Amino acid sequence: MTLTQAQRTQIVDAIDSHIYWQLSDGYYRANGAVLEPGSDDPDVAAEIVAFEALQDELNDAGAVDV
């Protein structure tokens, strides 16, 4: 699948929002940033790491700034 720069940016932004609002515990949110590990649940923390890796891949593919 080929994505445009705009599409990669949208996906990276959506992942960031999903990590912040759906996966991170409120305790870990600070000034708009999710502090590591993001969750007391190891499965959720692992999911956060996997999503961050996907963001990195998208960034590397098109130099998207998060």
N, C-alpha and C. Protein backbone atom coordinates (compact mmCIF):
# COMPACT_ATOMS: atom_id res chain seq x y z
N MET A 1 0.85 -1.16 0.00
CA MET A 1 0.00 0.00 0.00
C MET A 1 0.90 1.24 0.00
N THR A 2 0.58 2.16 -0.83
CA THR A 2 1.31 3.41 -0.90
C THR A 2 0.48 4.50 -0.24
N LEU A 3 1.09 5.22 0.69
CA LEU A 3 0.41 6.30 1.38
C LEU A 3 1.06 7.63 1.04
N THR A 4 0.24 8.64 0.93
CA THR A 4 0.78 9.98 0.73
C THR A 4 1.32 10.50 2.07
N GLN A 5 2.08 11.57 1.99
CA GLN A 5 2.59 12.21 3.21
C GLN A 5 1.43 12.62 4.12
N ALA A 6 0.39 13.16 3.55
CA ALA A 6 -0.77 13.59 4.34
C ALA A 6 -1.44 12.41 5.04
N GLN A 7 -1.54 11.28 4.35
CA GLN A 7 -2.14 10.08 4.94
C GLN A 7 -1.28 9.54 6.08
N ARG A 8 0.04 9.53 5.88
CA ARG A 8 0.93 9.08 6.97
C ARG A 8 0.79 9.99 8.19
N THR A 9 0.71 11.28 7.95
CA THR A 9 0.55 12.23 9.05
C THR A 9 -0.76 11.99 9.79
N GLN A 10 -1.84 11.75 9.05
CA GLN A 10 -3.13 11.47 9.68
C GLN A 10 -3.07 10.21 10.54
N ILE A 11 -2.43 9.18 10.04
CA ILE A 11 -2.33 7.92 10.79
C ILE A 11 -1.49 8.10 12.04
N VAL A 12 -0.37 8.80 11.92
CA VAL A 12 0.49 9.05 13.09
C VAL A 12 -0.29 9.84 14.14
N ASP A 13 -1.03 10.86 13.71
CA ASP A 13 -1.83 11.65 14.65
C ASP A 13 -2.92 10.80 15.31
N ALA A 14 -3.55 9.94 14.54
CA ALA A 14 -4.60 9.06 15.08
C ALA A 14 -4.03 8.08 16.10
N ILE A 15 -2.85 7.54 15.81
CA ILE A 15 -2.21 6.63 16.75
C ILE A 15 -1.88 7.36 18.04
N ASP A 16 -1.34 8.57 17.92
CA ASP A 16 -1.00 9.37 19.09
C ASP A 16 -2.23 9.61 19.96
N SER A 17 -3.34 9.96 19.33
CA SER A 17 -4.58 10.18 20.06
C SER A 17 -5.08 8.89 20.72
N HIS A 18 -5.00 7.78 20.01
CA HIS A 18 -5.44 6.50 20.55
C HIS A 18 -4.62 6.11 21.79
N ILE A 19 -3.31 6.30 21.69
CA ILE A 19 -2.45 5.99 22.84
C ILE A 19 -2.85 6.86 24.03
N TYR A 20 -3.00 8.14 23.78
CA TYR A 20 -3.29 9.08 24.87
C TYR A 20 -4.65 8.84 25.50
N TRP A 21 -5.70 8.76 24.67
CA TRP A 21 -7.06 8.72 25.20
C TRP A 21 -7.57 7.33 25.51
N GLN A 22 -7.15 6.31 24.77
CA GLN A 22 -7.71 4.98 24.95
C GLN A 22 -6.81 4.05 25.76
N LEU A 23 -5.51 4.16 25.57
CA LEU A 23 -4.62 3.16 26.17
C LEU A 23 -3.95 3.63 27.46
N SER A 24 -3.66 4.90 27.58
CA SER A 24 -2.94 5.36 28.77
C SER A 24 -3.89 5.58 29.93
N ASP A 25 -3.39 5.33 31.10
CA ASP A 25 -4.16 5.60 32.30
C ASP A 25 -4.08 7.10 32.60
N GLY A 26 -5.12 7.64 33.17
CA GLY A 26 -5.13 9.06 33.51
C GLY A 26 -3.96 9.48 34.36
N TYR A 27 -3.50 8.58 35.21
CA TYR A 27 -2.36 8.87 36.08
C TYR A 27 -1.11 9.22 35.29
N TYR A 28 -0.96 8.65 34.11
CA TYR A 28 0.24 8.82 33.32
C TYR A 28 0.18 10.01 32.37
N ARG A 29 -0.96 10.69 32.28
CA ARG A 29 -1.09 11.83 31.38
C ARG A 29 -0.57 13.07 32.08
N ALA A 30 0.28 13.82 31.41
CA ALA A 30 0.82 15.04 32.00
C ALA A 30 1.12 16.04 30.90
N ASN A 31 0.43 17.16 30.93
CA ASN A 31 0.68 18.24 29.98
C ASN A 31 0.64 17.77 28.53
N GLY A 32 -0.31 16.90 28.21
CA GLY A 32 -0.47 16.45 26.83
C GLY A 32 0.47 15.35 26.41
N ALA A 33 1.32 14.87 27.31
CA ALA A 33 2.26 13.80 26.97
C ALA A 33 1.96 12.57 27.82
N VAL A 34 2.14 11.40 27.25
CA VAL A 34 1.97 10.16 28.00
C VAL A 34 3.33 9.77 28.55
N LEU A 35 3.40 9.64 29.85
CA LEU A 35 4.64 9.24 30.50
C LEU A 35 4.77 7.73 30.44
N GLU A 36 5.96 7.22 30.33
CA GLU A 36 6.18 5.78 30.29
C GLU A 36 5.89 5.16 31.64
N PRO A 37 5.39 3.94 31.72
CA PRO A 37 5.11 3.04 30.62
C PRO A 37 3.75 3.25 29.99
N GLY A 38 2.92 4.12 30.57
CA GLY A 38 1.62 4.41 29.97
C GLY A 38 0.48 3.63 30.56
N SER A 39 0.78 2.56 31.27
CA SER A 39 -0.28 1.78 31.88
C SER A 39 0.30 0.83 32.92
N ASP A 40 -0.46 0.56 33.95
CA ASP A 40 -0.05 -0.43 34.93
C ASP A 40 -0.29 -1.84 34.42
N ASP A 41 -1.06 -1.99 33.37
CA ASP A 41 -1.35 -3.28 32.77
C ASP A 41 -0.26 -3.62 31.76
N PRO A 42 0.51 -4.68 31.98
CA PRO A 42 1.61 -5.01 31.07
C PRO A 42 1.17 -5.23 29.62
N ASP A 43 -0.03 -5.77 29.43
CA ASP A 43 -0.51 -5.99 28.06
C ASP A 43 -0.77 -4.66 27.36
N VAL A 44 -1.34 -3.72 28.08
CA VAL A 44 -1.60 -2.40 27.50
C VAL A 44 -0.28 -1.66 27.26
N ALA A 45 0.64 -1.77 28.20
CA ALA A 45 1.96 -1.14 28.02
C ALA A 45 2.64 -1.70 26.77
N ALA A 46 2.53 -3.00 26.54
CA ALA A 46 3.11 -3.62 25.35
C ALA A 46 2.42 -3.12 24.08
N GLU A 47 1.11 -2.92 24.16
CA GLU A 47 0.36 -2.40 23.01
C GLU A 47 0.81 -0.97 22.69
N ILE A 48 1.04 -0.18 23.73
CA ILE A 48 1.53 1.18 23.53
C ILE A 48 2.89 1.15 22.83
N VAL A 49 3.77 0.28 23.27
CA VAL A 49 5.10 0.16 22.65
C VAL A 49 4.95 -0.24 21.18
N ALA A 50 4.04 -1.16 20.88
CA ALA A 50 3.83 -1.61 19.50
C ALA A 50 3.31 -0.45 18.63
N PHE A 51 2.38 0.34 19.17
CA PHE A 51 1.87 1.48 18.41
C PHE A 51 2.95 2.53 18.20
N GLU A 52 3.80 2.73 19.21
CA GLU A 52 4.89 3.69 19.05
C GLU A 52 5.88 3.22 17.99
N ALA A 53 6.09 1.92 17.91
CA ALA A 53 6.96 1.38 16.86
C ALA A 53 6.36 1.61 15.49
N LEU A 54 5.04 1.46 15.37
CA LEU A 54 4.36 1.73 14.11
C LEU A 54 4.50 3.20 13.73
N GLN A 55 4.36 4.08 14.71
CA GLN A 55 4.56 5.50 14.45
C GLN A 55 5.98 5.76 13.92
N ASP A 56 6.96 5.12 14.54
CA ASP A 56 8.34 5.27 14.09
C ASP A 56 8.51 4.82 12.64
N GLU A 57 7.89 3.70 12.29
CA GLU A 57 7.97 3.21 10.91
C GLU A 57 7.35 4.20 9.94
N LEU A 58 6.20 4.74 10.32
CA LEU A 58 5.54 5.72 9.46
C LEU A 58 6.38 7.00 9.35
N ASN A 59 6.98 7.39 10.45
CA ASN A 59 7.85 8.57 10.43
C ASN A 59 9.05 8.33 9.53
N ASP A 60 9.66 7.17 9.65
CA ASP A 60 10.83 6.84 8.82
C ASP A 60 10.47 6.79 7.34
N ALA A 61 9.25 6.37 7.04
CA ALA A 61 8.82 6.23 5.64
C ALA A 61 8.55 7.58 5.00
N GLY A 62 8.25 8.59 5.81
CA GLY A 62 7.91 9.86 5.19
C GLY A 62 8.25 11.08 6.00
N ALA A 63 9.14 10.91 6.98
CA ALA A 63 9.58 12.04 7.79
C ALA A 63 8.42 12.84 8.38
N VAL A 64 7.50 12.13 9.02
CA VAL A 64 6.34 12.76 9.66
C VAL A 64 6.74 13.22 11.03
N ASP A 65 6.42 14.46 11.38
CA ASP A 65 6.67 14.97 12.73
C ASP A 65 5.47 14.71 13.59
N VAL A 66 5.72 14.17 14.79
CA VAL A 66 4.62 13.91 15.73
C VAL A 66 4.50 15.09 16.67
